[in-house]
């Protein structure tokens, strides 16, 4: 449950790179 609720915590770094790829594409 903690991992699920903290999904953005664990994935923030990857999410930042993903957002950059979306912008560039």
PDBML (XML) file of the C-alpha atoms, coordinates in Angstrom:
<?xml version="1.0" encoding="UTF-8" ?>
<PDBx:datablock datablockName="MODEL"
   xmlns:PDBx="http://pdbml.pdb.org/schema/pdbx-v50.xsd"
   xmlns:xsi="http://www.w3.org/2001/XMLSchema-instance"
   xsi:schemaLocation="http://pdbml.pdb.org/schema/pdbx-v50.xsd pdbx-v50.xsd">
   <PDBx:atom_siteCategory>
      <PDBx:atom_site id="1">
         <PDBx:B_iso_or_equiv>0.00</PDBx:B_iso_or_equiv>
         <PDBx:Cartn_x>0.000</PDBx:Cartn_x>
         <PDBx:Cartn_y>0.000</PDBx:Cartn_y>
         <PDBx:Cartn_z>0.000</PDBx:Cartn_z>
         <PDBx:auth_asym_id>A</PDBx:auth_asym_id>
         <PDBx:auth_atom_id>CA</PDBx:auth_atom_id>
         <PDBx:auth_comp_id>UNK</PDBx:auth_comp_id>
         <PDBx:auth_seq_id>1</PDBx:auth_seq_id>
         <PDBx:group_PDB>ATOM</PDBx:group_PDB>
         <PDBx:label_alt_id xsi:nil="true" />
         <PDBx:label_asym_id>A</PDBx:label_asym_id>
         <PDBx:label_atom_id>CA</PDBx:label_atom_id>
         <PDBx:label_comp_id>UNK</PDBx:label_comp_id>
         <PDBx:label_entity_id>1</PDBx:label_entity_id>
         <PDBx:label_seq_id>1</PDBx:label_seq_id>
         <PDBx:occupancy>1.00</PDBx:occupancy>
         <PDBx:pdbx_PDB_model_num>1</PDBx:pdbx_PDB_model_num>
         <PDBx:type_symbol>C</PDBx:type_symbol>
      </PDBx:atom_site>
      <PDBx:atom_site id="2">
         <PDBx:B_iso_or_equiv>0.00</PDBx:B_iso_or_equiv>
         <PDBx:Cartn_x>2.812</PDBx:Cartn_x>
         <PDBx:Cartn_y>2.397</PDBx:Cartn_y>
         <PDBx:Cartn_z>0.812</PDBx:Cartn_z>
         <PDBx:auth_asym_id>A</PDBx:auth_asym_id>
         <PDBx:auth_atom_id>CA</PDBx:auth_atom_id>
         <PDBx:auth_comp_id>UNK</PDBx:auth_comp_id>
         <PDBx:auth_seq_id>2</PDBx:auth_seq_id>
         <PDBx:group_PDB>ATOM</PDBx:group_PDB>
         <PDBx:label_alt_id xsi:nil="true" />
         <PDBx:label_asym_id>A</PDBx:label_asym_id>
         <PDBx:label_atom_id>CA</PDBx:label_atom_id>
         <PDBx:label_comp_id>UNK</PDBx:label_comp_id>
         <PDBx:label_entity_id>1</PDBx:label_entity_id>
         <PDBx:label_seq_id>2</PDBx:label_seq_id>
         <PDBx:occupancy>1.00</PDBx:occupancy>
         <PDBx:pdbx_PDB_model_num>1</PDBx:pdbx_PDB_model_num>
         <PDBx:type_symbol>C</PDBx:type_symbol>
      </PDBx:atom_site>
      <PDBx:atom_site id="3">
         <PDBx:B_iso_or_equiv>0.00</PDBx:B_iso_or_equiv>
         <PDBx:Cartn_x>4.462</PDBx:Cartn_x>
         <PDBx:Cartn_y>1.672</PDBx:Cartn_y>
         <PDBx:Cartn_z>-2.533</PDBx:Cartn_z>
         <PDBx:auth_asym_id>A</PDBx:auth_asym_id>
         <PDBx:auth_atom_id>CA</PDBx:auth_atom_id>
         <PDBx:auth_comp_id>UNK</PDBx:auth_comp_id>
         <PDBx:auth_seq_id>3</PDBx:auth_seq_id>
         <PDBx:group_PDB>ATOM</PDBx:group_PDB>
         <PDBx:label_alt_id xsi:nil="true" />
         <PDBx:label_asym_id>A</PDBx:label_asym_id>
         <PDBx:label_atom_id>CA</PDBx:label_atom_id>
         <PDBx:label_comp_id>UNK</PDBx:label_comp_id>
         <PDBx:label_entity_id>1</PDBx:label_entity_id>
         <PDBx:label_seq_id>3</PDBx:label_seq_id>
         <PDBx:occupancy>1.00</PDBx:occupancy>
         <PDBx:pdbx_PDB_model_num>1</PDBx:pdbx_PDB_model_num>
         <PDBx:type_symbol>C</PDBx:type_symbol>
      </PDBx:atom_site>
      <PDBx:atom_site id="4">
         <PDBx:B_iso_or_equiv>0.00</PDBx:B_iso_or_equiv>
         <PDBx:Cartn_x>1.171</PDBx:Cartn_x>
         <PDBx:Cartn_y>2.166</PDBx:Cartn_y>
         <PDBx:Cartn_z>-4.350</PDBx:Cartn_z>
         <PDBx:auth_asym_id>A</PDBx:auth_asym_id>
         <PDBx:auth_atom_id>CA</PDBx:auth_atom_id>
         <PDBx:auth_comp_id>UNK</PDBx:auth_comp_id>
         <PDBx:auth_seq_id>4</PDBx:auth_seq_id>
         <PDBx:group_PDB>ATOM</PDBx:group_PDB>
         <PDBx:label_alt_id xsi:nil="true" />
         <PDBx:label_asym_id>A</PDBx:label_asym_id>
         <PDBx:label_atom_id>CA</PDBx:label_atom_id>
         <PDBx:label_comp_id>UNK</PDBx:label_comp_id>
         <PDBx:label_entity_id>1</PDBx:label_entity_id>
         <PDBx:label_seq_id>4</PDBx:label_seq_id>
         <PDBx:occupancy>1.00</PDBx:occupancy>
         <PDBx:pdbx_PDB_model_num>1</PDBx:pdbx_PDB_model_num>
         <PDBx:type_symbol>C</PDBx:type_symbol>
      </PDBx:atom_site>
      <PDBx:atom_site id="5">
         <PDBx:B_iso_or_equiv>0.00</PDBx:B_iso_or_equiv>
         <PDBx:Cartn_x>0.354</PDBx:Cartn_x>
         <PDBx:Cartn_y>5.417</PDBx:Cartn_y>
         <PDBx:Cartn_z>-2.558</PDBx:Cartn_z>
         <PDBx:auth_asym_id>A</PDBx:auth_asym_id>
         <PDBx:auth_atom_id>CA</PDBx:auth_atom_id>
         <PDBx:auth_comp_id>UNK</PDBx:auth_comp_id>
         <PDBx:auth_seq_id>5</PDBx:auth_seq_id>
         <PDBx:group_PDB>ATOM</PDBx:group_PDB>
         <PDBx:label_alt_id xsi:nil="true" />
         <PDBx:label_asym_id>A</PDBx:label_asym_id>
         <PDBx:label_atom_id>CA</PDBx:label_atom_id>
         <PDBx:label_comp_id>UNK</PDBx:label_comp_id>
         <PDBx:label_entity_id>1</PDBx:label_entity_id>
         <PDBx:label_seq_id>5</PDBx:label_seq_id>
         <PDBx:occupancy>1.00</PDBx:occupancy>
         <PDBx:pdbx_PDB_model_num>1</PDBx:pdbx_PDB_model_num>
         <PDBx:type_symbol>C</PDBx:type_symbol>
      </PDBx:atom_site>
      <PDBx:atom_site id="6">
         <PDBx:B_iso_or_equiv>0.00</PDBx:B_iso_or_equiv>
         <PDBx:Cartn_x>3.921</PDBx:Cartn_x>
         <PDBx:Cartn_y>6.615</PDBx:Cartn_y>
         <PDBx:Cartn_z>-3.044</PDBx:Cartn_z>
         <PDBx:auth_asym_id>A</PDBx:auth_asym_id>
         <PDBx:auth_atom_id>CA</PDBx:auth_atom_id>
         <PDBx:auth_comp_id>UNK</PDBx:auth_comp_id>
         <PDBx:auth_seq_id>6</PDBx:auth_seq_id>
         <PDBx:group_PDB>ATOM</PDBx:group_PDB>
         <PDBx:label_alt_id xsi:nil="true" />
         <PDBx:label_asym_id>A</PDBx:label_asym_id>
         <PDBx:label_atom_id>CA</PDBx:label_atom_id>
         <PDBx:label_comp_id>UNK</PDBx:label_comp_id>
         <PDBx:label_entity_id>1</PDBx:label_entity_id>
         <PDBx:label_seq_id>6</PDBx:label_seq_id>
         <PDBx:occupancy>1.00</PDBx:occupancy>
         <PDBx:pdbx_PDB_model_num>1</PDBx:pdbx_PDB_model_num>
         <PDBx:type_symbol>C</PDBx:type_symbol>
      </PDBx:atom_site>
      <PDBx:atom_site id="7">
         <PDBx:B_iso_or_equiv>0.00</PDBx:B_iso_or_equiv>
         <PDBx:Cartn_x>4.025</PDBx:Cartn_x>
         <PDBx:Cartn_y>5.756</PDBx:Cartn_y>
         <PDBx:Cartn_z>-6.739</PDBx:Cartn_z>
         <PDBx:auth_asym_id>A</PDBx:auth_asym_id>
         <PDBx:auth_atom_id>CA</PDBx:auth_atom_id>
         <PDBx:auth_comp_id>UNK</PDBx:auth_comp_id>
         <PDBx:auth_seq_id>7</PDBx:auth_seq_id>
         <PDBx:group_PDB>ATOM</PDBx:group_PDB>
         <PDBx:label_alt_id xsi:nil="true" />
         <PDBx:label_asym_id>A</PDBx:label_asym_id>
         <PDBx:label_atom_id>CA</PDBx:label_atom_id>
         <PDBx:label_comp_id>UNK</PDBx:label_comp_id>
         <PDBx:label_entity_id>1</PDBx:label_entity_id>
         <PDBx:label_seq_id>7</PDBx:label_seq_id>
         <PDBx:occupancy>1.00</PDBx:occupancy>
         <PDBx:pdbx_PDB_model_num>1</PDBx:pdbx_PDB_model_num>
         <PDBx:type_symbol>C</PDBx:type_symbol>
      </PDBx:atom_site>
      <PDBx:atom_site id="8">
         <PDBx:B_iso_or_equiv>0.00</PDBx:B_iso_or_equiv>
         <PDBx:Cartn_x>5.058</PDBx:Cartn_x>
         <PDBx:Cartn_y>9.295</PDBx:Cartn_y>
         <PDBx:Cartn_z>-7.715</PDBx:Cartn_z>
         <PDBx:auth_asym_id>A</PDBx:auth_asym_id>
         <PDBx:auth_atom_id>CA</PDBx:auth_atom_id>
         <PDBx:auth_comp_id>UNK</PDBx:auth_comp_id>
         <PDBx:auth_seq_id>8</PDBx:auth_seq_id>
         <PDBx:group_PDB>ATOM</PDBx:group_PDB>
         <PDBx:label_alt_id xsi:nil="true" />
         <PDBx:label_asym_id>A</PDBx:label_asym_id>
         <PDBx:label_atom_id>CA</PDBx:label_atom_id>
         <PDBx:label_comp_id>UNK</PDBx:label_comp_id>
         <PDBx:label_entity_id>1</PDBx:label_entity_id>
         <PDBx:label_seq_id>8</PDBx:label_seq_id>
         <PDBx:occupancy>1.00</PDBx:occupancy>
         <PDBx:pdbx_PDB_model_num>1</PDBx:pdbx_PDB_model_num>
         <PDBx:type_symbol>C</PDBx:type_symbol>
      </PDBx:atom_site>
      <PDBx:atom_site id="9">
         <PDBx:B_iso_or_equiv>0.00</PDBx:B_iso_or_equiv>
         <PDBx:Cartn_x>7.780</PDBx:Cartn_x>
         <PDBx:Cartn_y>9.226</PDBx:Cartn_y>
         <PDBx:Cartn_z>-5.050</PDBx:Cartn_z>
         <PDBx:auth_asym_id>A</PDBx:auth_asym_id>
         <PDBx:auth_atom_id>CA</PDBx:auth_atom_id>
         <PDBx:auth_comp_id>UNK</PDBx:auth_comp_id>
         <PDBx:auth_seq_id>9</PDBx:auth_seq_id>
         <PDBx:group_PDB>ATOM</PDBx:group_PDB>
         <PDBx:label_alt_id xsi:nil="true" />
         <PDBx:label_asym_id>A</PDBx:label_asym_id>
         <PDBx:label_atom_id>CA</PDBx:label_atom_id>
         <PDBx:label_comp_id>UNK</PDBx:label_comp_id>
         <PDBx:label_entity_id>1</PDBx:label_entity_id>
         <PDBx:label_seq_id>9</PDBx:label_seq_id>
         <PDBx:occupancy>1.00</PDBx:occupancy>
         <PDBx:pdbx_PDB_model_num>1</PDBx:pdbx_PDB_model_num>
         <PDBx:type_symbol>C</PDBx:type_symbol>
      </PDBx:atom_site>
      <PDBx:atom_site id="10">
         <PDBx:B_iso_or_equiv>0.00</PDBx:B_iso_or_equiv>
         <PDBx:Cartn_x>9.462</PDBx:Cartn_x>
         <PDBx:Cartn_y>6.167</PDBx:Cartn_y>
         <PDBx:Cartn_z>-6.551</PDBx:Cartn_z>
         <PDBx:auth_asym_id>A</PDBx:auth_asym_id>
         <PDBx:auth_atom_id>CA</PDBx:auth_atom_id>
         <PDBx:auth_comp_id>UNK</PDBx:auth_comp_id>
         <PDBx:auth_seq_id>10</PDBx:auth_seq_id>
         <PDBx:group_PDB>ATOM</PDBx:group_PDB>
         <PDBx:label_alt_id xsi:nil="true" />
         <PDBx:label_asym_id>A</PDBx:label_asym_id>
         <PDBx:label_atom_id>CA</PDBx:label_atom_id>
         <PDBx:label_comp_id>UNK</PDBx:label_comp_id>
         <PDBx:label_entity_id>1</PDBx:label_entity_id>
         <PDBx:label_seq_id>10</PDBx:label_seq_id>
         <PDBx:occupancy>1.00</PDBx:occupancy>
         <PDBx:pdbx_PDB_model_num>1</PDBx:pdbx_PDB_model_num>
         <PDBx:type_symbol>C</PDBx:type_symbol>
      </PDBx:atom_site>
      <PDBx:atom_site id="11">
         <PDBx:B_iso_or_equiv>0.00</PDBx:B_iso_or_equiv>
         <PDBx:Cartn_x>8.884</PDBx:Cartn_x>
         <PDBx:Cartn_y>7.169</PDBx:Cartn_y>
         <PDBx:Cartn_z>-10.187</PDBx:Cartn_z>
         <PDBx:auth_asym_id>A</PDBx:auth_asym_id>
         <PDBx:auth_atom_id>CA</PDBx:auth_atom_id>
         <PDBx:auth_comp_id>UNK</PDBx:auth_comp_id>
         <PDBx:auth_seq_id>11</PDBx:auth_seq_id>
         <PDBx:group_PDB>ATOM</PDBx:group_PDB>
         <PDBx:label_alt_id xsi:nil="true" />
         <PDBx:label_asym_id>A</PDBx:label_asym_id>
         <PDBx:label_atom_id>CA</PDBx:label_atom_id>
         <PDBx:label_comp_id>UNK</PDBx:label_comp_id>
         <PDBx:label_entity_id>1</PDBx:label_entity_id>
         <PDBx:label_seq_id>11</PDBx:label_seq_id>
         <PDBx:occupancy>1.00</PDBx:occupancy>
         <PDBx:pdbx_PDB_model_num>1</PDBx:pdbx_PDB_model_num>
         <PDBx:type_symbol>C</PDBx:type_symbol>
      </PDBx:atom_site>
      <PDBx:atom_site id="12">
         <PDBx:B_iso_or_equiv>0.00</PDBx:B_iso_or_equiv>
         <PDBx:Cartn_x>9.542</PDBx:Cartn_x>
         <PDBx:Cartn_y>10.900</PDBx:Cartn_y>
         <PDBx:Cartn_z>-9.992</PDBx:Cartn_z>
         <PDBx:auth_asym_id>A</PDBx:auth_asym_id>
         <PDBx:auth_atom_id>CA</PDBx:auth_atom_id>
         <PDBx:auth_comp_id>UNK</PDBx:auth_comp_id>
         <PDBx:auth_seq_id>12</PDBx:auth_seq_id>
         <PDBx:group_PDB>ATOM</PDBx:group_PDB>
         <PDBx:label_alt_id xsi:nil="true" />
         <PDBx:label_asym_id>A</PDBx:label_asym_id>
         <PDBx:label_atom_id>CA</PDBx:label_atom_id>
         <PDBx:label_comp_id>UNK</PDBx:label_comp_id>
         <PDBx:label_entity_id>1</PDBx:label_entity_id>
         <PDBx:label_seq_id>12</PDBx:label_seq_id>
         <PDBx:occupancy>1.00</PDBx:occupancy>
         <PDBx:pdbx_PDB_model_num>1</PDBx:pdbx_PDB_model_num>
         <PDBx:type_symbol>C</PDBx:type_symbol>
      </PDBx:atom_site>
      <PDBx:atom_site id="13">
         <PDBx:B_iso_or_equiv>0.00</PDBx:B_iso_or_equiv>
         <PDBx:Cartn_x>12.975</PDBx:Cartn_x>
         <PDBx:Cartn_y>10.719</PDBx:Cartn_y>
         <PDBx:Cartn_z>-11.623</PDBx:Cartn_z>
         <PDBx:auth_asym_id>A</PDBx:auth_asym_id>
         <PDBx:auth_atom_id>CA</PDBx:auth_atom_id>
         <PDBx:auth_comp_id>UNK</PDBx:auth_comp_id>
         <PDBx:auth_seq_id>13</PDBx:auth_seq_id>
         <PDBx:group_PDB>ATOM</PDBx:group_PDB>
         <PDBx:label_alt_id xsi:nil="true" />
         <PDBx:label_asym_id>A</PDBx:label_asym_id>
         <PDBx:label_atom_id>CA</PDBx:label_atom_id>
         <PDBx:label_comp_id>UNK</PDBx:label_comp_id>
         <PDBx:label_entity_id>1</PDBx:label_entity_id>
         <PDBx:label_seq_id>13</PDBx:label_seq_id>
         <PDBx:occupancy>1.00</PDBx:occupancy>
         <PDBx:pdbx_PDB_model_num>1</PDBx:pdbx_PDB_model_num>
         <PDBx:type_symbol>C</PDBx:type_symbol>
      </PDBx:atom_site>
      <PDBx:atom_site id="14">
         <PDBx:B_iso_or_equiv>0.00</PDBx:B_iso_or_equiv>
         <PDBx:Cartn_x>11.762</PDBx:Cartn_x>
         <PDBx:Cartn_y>8.515</PDBx:Cartn_y>
         <PDBx:Cartn_z>-14.478</PDBx:Cartn_z>
         <PDBx:auth_asym_id>A</PDBx:auth_asym_id>
         <PDBx:auth_atom_id>CA</PDBx:auth_atom_id>
         <PDBx:auth_comp_id>UNK</PDBx:auth_comp_id>
         <PDBx:auth_seq_id>14</PDBx:auth_seq_id>
         <PDBx:group_PDB>ATOM</PDBx:group_PDB>
         <PDBx:label_alt_id xsi:nil="true" />
         <PDBx:label_asym_id>A</PDBx:label_asym_id>
         <PDBx:label_atom_id>CA</PDBx:label_atom_id>
         <PDBx:label_comp_id>UNK</PDBx:label_comp_id>
         <PDBx:label_entity_id>1</PDBx:label_entity_id>
         <PDBx:label_seq_id>14</PDBx:label_seq_id>
         <PDBx:occupancy>1.00</PDBx:occupancy>
         <PDBx:pdbx_PDB_model_num>1</PDBx:pdbx_PDB_model_num>
         <PDBx:type_symbol>C</PDBx:type_symbol>
      </PDBx:atom_site>
      <PDBx:atom_site id="15">
         <PDBx:B_iso_or_equiv>0.00</PDBx:B_iso_or_equiv>
         <PDBx:Cartn_x>8.617</PDBx:Cartn_x>
         <PDBx:Cartn_y>10.598</PDBx:Cartn_y>
         <PDBx:Cartn_z>-14.813</PDBx:Cartn_z>
         <PDBx:auth_asym_id>A</PDBx:auth_asym_id>
         <PDBx:auth_atom_id>CA</PDBx:auth_atom_id>
         <PDBx:auth_comp_id>UNK</PDBx:auth_comp_id>
         <PDBx:auth_seq_id>15</PDBx:auth_seq_id>
         <PDBx:group_PDB>ATOM</PDBx:group_PDB>
         <PDBx:label_alt_id xsi:nil="true" />
         <PDBx:label_asym_id>A</PDBx:label_asym_id>
         <PDBx:label_atom_id>CA</PDBx:label_atom_id>
         <PDBx:label_comp_id>UNK</PDBx:label_comp_id>
         <PDBx:label_entity_id>1</PDBx:label_entity_id>
         <PDBx:label_seq_id>15</PDBx:label_seq_id>
         <PDBx:occupancy>1.00</PDBx:occupancy>
         <PDBx:pdbx_PDB_model_num>1</PDBx:pdbx_PDB_model_num>
         <PDBx:type_symbol>C</PDBx:type_symbol>
      </PDBx:atom_site>
      <PDBx:atom_site id="16">
         <PDBx:B_iso_or_equiv>0.00</PDBx:B_iso_or_equiv>
         <PDBx:Cartn_x>10.724</PDBx:Cartn_x>
         <PDBx:Cartn_y>13.728</PDBx:Cartn_y>
         <PDBx:Cartn_z>-15.256</PDBx:Cartn_z>
         <PDBx:auth_asym_id>A</PDBx:auth_asym_id>
         <PDBx:auth_atom_id>CA</PDBx:auth_atom_id>
         <PDBx:auth_comp_id>UNK</PDBx:auth_comp_id>
         <PDBx:auth_seq_id>16</PDBx:auth_seq_id>
         <PDBx:group_PDB>ATOM</PDBx:group_PDB>
         <PDBx:label_alt_id xsi:nil="true" />
         <PDBx:label_asym_id>A</PDBx:label_asym_id>
         <PDBx:label_atom_id>CA</PDBx:label_atom_id>
         <PDBx:label_comp_id>UNK</PDBx:label_comp_id>
         <PDBx:label_entity_id>1</PDBx:label_entity_id>
         <PDBx:label_seq_id>16</PDBx:label_seq_id>
         <PDBx:occupancy>1.00</PDBx:occupancy>
         <PDBx:pdbx_PDB_model_num>1</PDBx:pdbx_PDB_model_num>
         <PDBx:type_symbol>C</PDBx:type_symbol>
      </PDBx:atom_site>
      <PDBx:atom_site id="17">
         <PDBx:B_iso_or_equiv>0.00</PDBx:B_iso_or_equiv>
         <PDBx:Cartn_x>12.650</PDBx:Cartn_x>
         <PDBx:Cartn_y>12.103</PDBx:Cartn_y>
         <PDBx:Cartn_z>-18.118</PDBx:Cartn_z>
         <PDBx:auth_asym_id>A</PDBx:auth_asym_id>
         <PDBx:auth_atom_id>CA</PDBx:auth_atom_id>
         <PDBx:auth_comp_id>UNK</PDBx:auth_comp_id>
         <PDBx:auth_seq_id>17</PDBx:auth_seq_id>
         <PDBx:group_PDB>ATOM</PDBx:group_PDB>
         <PDBx:label_alt_id xsi:nil="true" />
         <PDBx:label_asym_id>A</PDBx:label_asym_id>
         <PDBx:label_atom_id>CA</PDBx:label_atom_id>
         <PDBx:label_comp_id>UNK</PDBx:label_comp_id>
         <PDBx:label_entity_id>1</PDBx:label_entity_id>
         <PDBx:label_seq_id>17</PDBx:label_seq_id>
         <PDBx:occupancy>1.00</PDBx:occupancy>
         <PDBx:pdbx_PDB_model_num>1</PDBx:pdbx_PDB_model_num>
         <PDBx:type_symbol>C</PDBx:type_symbol>
      </PDBx:atom_site>
      <PDBx:atom_site id="18">
         <PDBx:B_iso_or_equiv>0.00</PDBx:B_iso_or_equiv>
         <PDBx:Cartn_x>9.417</PDBx:Cartn_x>
         <PDBx:Cartn_y>10.829</PDBx:Cartn_y>
         <PDBx:Cartn_z>-19.626</PDBx:Cartn_z>
         <PDBx:auth_asym_id>A</PDBx:auth_asym_id>
         <PDBx:auth_atom_id>CA</PDBx:auth_atom_id>
         <PDBx:auth_comp_id>UNK</PDBx:auth_comp_id>
         <PDBx:auth_seq_id>18</PDBx:auth_seq_id>
         <PDBx:group_PDB>ATOM</PDBx:group_PDB>
         <PDBx:label_alt_id xsi:nil="true" />
         <PDBx:label_asym_id>A</PDBx:label_asym_id>
         <PDBx:label_atom_id>CA</PDBx:label_atom_id>
         <PDBx:label_comp_id>UNK</PDBx:label_comp_id>
         <PDBx:label_entity_id>1</PDBx:label_entity_id>
         <PDBx:label_seq_id>18</PDBx:label_seq_id>
         <PDBx:occupancy>1.00</PDBx:occupancy>
         <PDBx:pdbx_PDB_model_num>1</PDBx:pdbx_PDB_model_num>
         <PDBx:type_symbol>C</PDBx:type_symbol>
      </PDBx:atom_site>
      <PDBx:atom_site id="19">
         <PDBx:B_iso_or_equiv>0.00</PDBx:B_iso_or_equiv>
         <PDBx:Cartn_x>7.893</PDBx:Cartn_x>
         <PDBx:Cartn_y>14.303</PDBx:Cartn_y>
         <PDBx:Cartn_z>-19.561</PDBx:Cartn_z>
         <PDBx:auth_asym_id>A</PDBx:auth_asym_id>
         <PDBx:auth_atom_id>CA</PDBx:auth_atom_id>
         <PDBx:auth_comp_id>UNK</PDBx:auth_comp_id>
         <PDBx:auth_seq_id>19</PDBx:auth_seq_id>
         <PDBx:group_PDB>ATOM</PDBx:group_PDB>
         <PDBx:label_alt_id xsi:nil="true" />
         <PDBx:label_asym_id>A</PDBx:label_asym_id>
         <PDBx:label_atom_id>CA</PDBx:label_atom_id>
         <PDBx:label_comp_id>UNK</PDBx:label_comp_id>
         <PDBx:label_entity_id>1</PDBx:label_entity_id>
         <PDBx:label_seq_id>19</PDBx:label_seq_id>
         <PDBx:occupancy>1.00</PDBx:occupancy>
         <PDBx:pdbx_PDB_model_num>1</PDBx:pdbx_PDB_model_num>
         <PDBx:type_symbol>C</PDBx:type_symbol>
      </PDBx:atom_site>
      <PDBx:atom_site id="20">
         <PDBx:B_iso_or_equiv>0.00</PDBx:B_iso_or_equiv>
         <PDBx:Cartn_x>10.998</PDBx:Cartn_x>
         <PDBx:Cartn_y>15.652</PDBx:Cartn_y>
         <PDBx:Cartn_z>-21.320</PDBx:Cartn_z>
         <PDBx:auth_asym_id>A</PDBx:auth_asym_id>
         <PDBx:auth_atom_id>CA</PDBx:auth_atom_id>
         <PDBx:auth_comp_id>UNK</PDBx:auth_comp_id>
         <PDBx:auth_seq_id>20</PDBx:auth_seq_id>
         <PDBx:group_PDB>ATOM</PDBx:group_PDB>
         <PDBx:label_alt_id xsi:nil="true" />
         <PDBx:label_asym_id>A</PDBx:label_asym_id>
         <PDBx:label_atom_id>CA</PDBx:label_atom_id>
         <PDBx:label_comp_id>UNK</PDBx:label_comp_id>
         <PDBx:label_entity_id>1</PDBx:label_entity_id>
         <PDBx:label_seq_id>20</PDBx:label_seq_id>
         <PDBx:occupancy>1.00</PDBx:occupancy>
         <PDBx:pdbx_PDB_model_num>1</PDBx:pdbx_PDB_model_num>
         <PDBx:type_symbol>C</PDBx:type_symbol>
      </PDBx:atom_site>
      <PDBx:atom_site id="21">
         <PDBx:B_iso_or_equiv>0.00</PDBx:B_iso_or_equiv>
         <PDBx:Cartn_x>10.610</PDBx:Cartn_x>
         <PDBx:Cartn_y>13.037</PDBx:Cartn_y>
         <PDBx:Cartn_z>-24.079</PDBx:Cartn_z>
         <PDBx:auth_asym_id>A</PDBx:auth_asym_id>
         <PDBx:auth_atom_id>CA</PDBx:auth_atom_id>
         <PDBx:auth_comp_id>UNK</PDBx:auth_comp_id>
         <PDBx:auth_seq_id>21</PDBx:auth_seq_id>
         <PDBx:group_PDB>ATOM</PDBx:group_PDB>
         <PDBx:label_alt_id xsi:nil="true" />
         <PDBx:label_asym_id>A</PDBx:label_asym_id>
         <PDBx:label_atom_id>CA</PDBx:label_atom_id>
         <PDBx:label_comp_id>UNK</PDBx:label_comp_id>
         <PDBx:label_entity_id>1</PDBx:label_entity_id>
         <PDBx:label_seq_id>21</PDBx:label_seq_id>
         <PDBx:occupancy>1.00</PDBx:occupancy>
         <PDBx:pdbx_PDB_model_num>1</PDBx:pdbx_PDB_model_num>
         <PDBx:type_symbol>C</PDBx:type_symbol>
      </PDBx:atom_site>
      <PDBx:atom_site id="22">
         <PDBx:B_iso_or_equiv>0.00</PDBx:B_iso_or_equiv>
         <PDBx:Cartn_x>6.945</PDBx:Cartn_x>
         <PDBx:Cartn_y>13.955</PDBx:Cartn_y>
         <PDBx:Cartn_z>-24.529</PDBx:Cartn_z>
         <PDBx:auth_asym_id>A</PDBx:auth_asym_id>
         <PDBx:auth_atom_id>CA</PDBx:auth_atom_id>
         <PDBx:auth_comp_id>UNK</PDBx:auth_comp_id>
         <PDBx:auth_seq_id>22</PDBx:auth_seq_id>
         <PDBx:group_PDB>ATOM</PDBx:group_PDB>
         <PDBx:label_alt_id xsi:nil="true" />
         <PDBx:label_asym_id>A</PDBx:label_asym_id>
         <PDBx:label_atom_id>CA</PDBx:label_atom_id>
         <PDBx:label_comp_id>UNK</PDBx:label_comp_id>
         <PDBx:label_entity_id>1</PDBx:label_entity_id>
         <PDBx:label_seq_id>22</PDBx:label_seq_id>
         <PDBx:occupancy>1.00</PDBx:occupancy>
         <PDBx:pdbx_PDB_model_num>1</PDBx:pdbx_PDB_model_num>
         <PDBx:type_symbol>C</PDBx:type_symbol>
      </PDBx:atom_site>
      <PDBx:atom_site id="23">
         <PDBx:B_iso_or_equiv>0.00</PDBx:B_iso_or_equiv>
         <PDBx:Cartn_x>7.838</PDBx:Cartn_x>
         <PDBx:Cartn_y>17.613</PDBx:Cartn_y>
         <PDBx:Cartn_z>-24.964</PDBx:Cartn_z>
         <PDBx:auth_asym_id>A</PDBx:auth_asym_id>
         <PDBx:auth_atom_id>CA</PDBx:auth_atom_id>
         <PDBx:auth_comp_id>UNK</PDBx:auth_comp_id>
         <PDBx:auth_seq_id>23</PDBx:auth_seq_id>
         <PDBx:group_PDB>ATOM</PDBx:group_PDB>
         <PDBx:label_alt_id xsi:nil="true" />
         <PDBx:label_asym_id>A</PDBx:label_asym_id>
         <PDBx:label_atom_id>CA</PDBx:label_atom_id>
         <PDBx:label_comp_id>UNK</PDBx:label_comp_id>
         <PDBx:label_entity_id>1</PDBx:label_entity_id>
         <PDBx:label_seq_id>23</PDBx:label_seq_id>
         <PDBx:occupancy>1.00</PDBx:occupancy>
         <PDBx:pdbx_PDB_model_num>1</PDBx:pdbx_PDB_model_num>
         <PDBx:type_symbol>C</PDBx:type_symbol>
      </PDBx:atom_site>
      <PDBx:atom_site id="24">
         <PDBx:B_iso_or_equiv>0.00</PDBx:B_iso_or_equiv>
         <PDBx:Cartn_x>10.617</PDBx:Cartn_x>
         <PDBx:Cartn_y>16.949</PDBx:Cartn_y>
         <PDBx:Cartn_z>-27.445</PDBx:Cartn_z>
         <PDBx:auth_asym_id>A</PDBx:auth_asym_id>
         <PDBx:auth_atom_id>CA</PDBx:auth_atom_id>
         <PDBx:auth_comp_id>UNK</PDBx:auth_comp_id>
         <PDBx:auth_seq_id>24</PDBx:auth_seq_id>
         <PDBx:group_PDB>ATOM</PDBx:group_PDB>
         <PDBx:label_alt_id xsi:nil="true" />
         <PDBx:label_asym_id>A</PDBx:label_asym_id>
         <PDBx:label_atom_id>CA</PDBx:label_atom_id>
         <PDBx:label_comp_id>UNK</PDBx:label_comp_id>
         <PDBx:label_entity_id>1</PDBx:label_entity_id>
         <PDBx:label_seq_id>24</PDBx:label_seq_id>
         <PDBx:occupancy>1.00</PDBx:occupancy>
         <PDBx:pdbx_PDB_model_num>1</PDBx:pdbx_PDB_model_num>
         <PDBx:type_symbol>C</PDBx:type_symbol>
      </PDBx:atom_site>
      <PDBx:atom_site id="25">
         <PDBx:B_iso_or_equiv>0.00</PDBx:B_iso_or_equiv>
         <PDBx:Cartn_x>8.557</PDBx:Cartn_x>
         <PDBx:Cartn_y>14.503</PDBx:Cartn_y>
         <PDBx:Cartn_z>-29.513</PDBx:Cartn_z>
         <PDBx:auth_asym_id>A</PDBx:auth_asym_id>
         <PDBx:auth_atom_id>CA</PDBx:auth_atom_id>
         <PDBx:auth_comp_id>UNK</PDBx:auth_comp_id>
         <PDBx:auth_seq_id>25</PDBx:auth_seq_id>
         <PDBx:group_PDB>ATOM</PDBx:group_PDB>
         <PDBx:label_alt_id xsi:nil="true" />
         <PDBx:label_asym_id>A</PDBx:label_asym_id>
         <PDBx:label_atom_id>CA</PDBx:label_atom_id>
         <PDBx:label_comp_id>UNK</PDBx:label_comp_id>
         <PDBx:label_entity_id>1</PDBx:label_entity_id>
         <PDBx:label_seq_id>25</PDBx:label_seq_id>
         <PDBx:occupancy>1.00</PDBx:occupancy>
         <PDBx:pdbx_PDB_model_num>1</PDBx:pdbx_PDB_model_num>
         <PDBx:type_symbol>C</PDBx:type_symbol>
      </PDBx:atom_site>
   </PDBx:atom_siteCategory>
</PDBx:datablock>
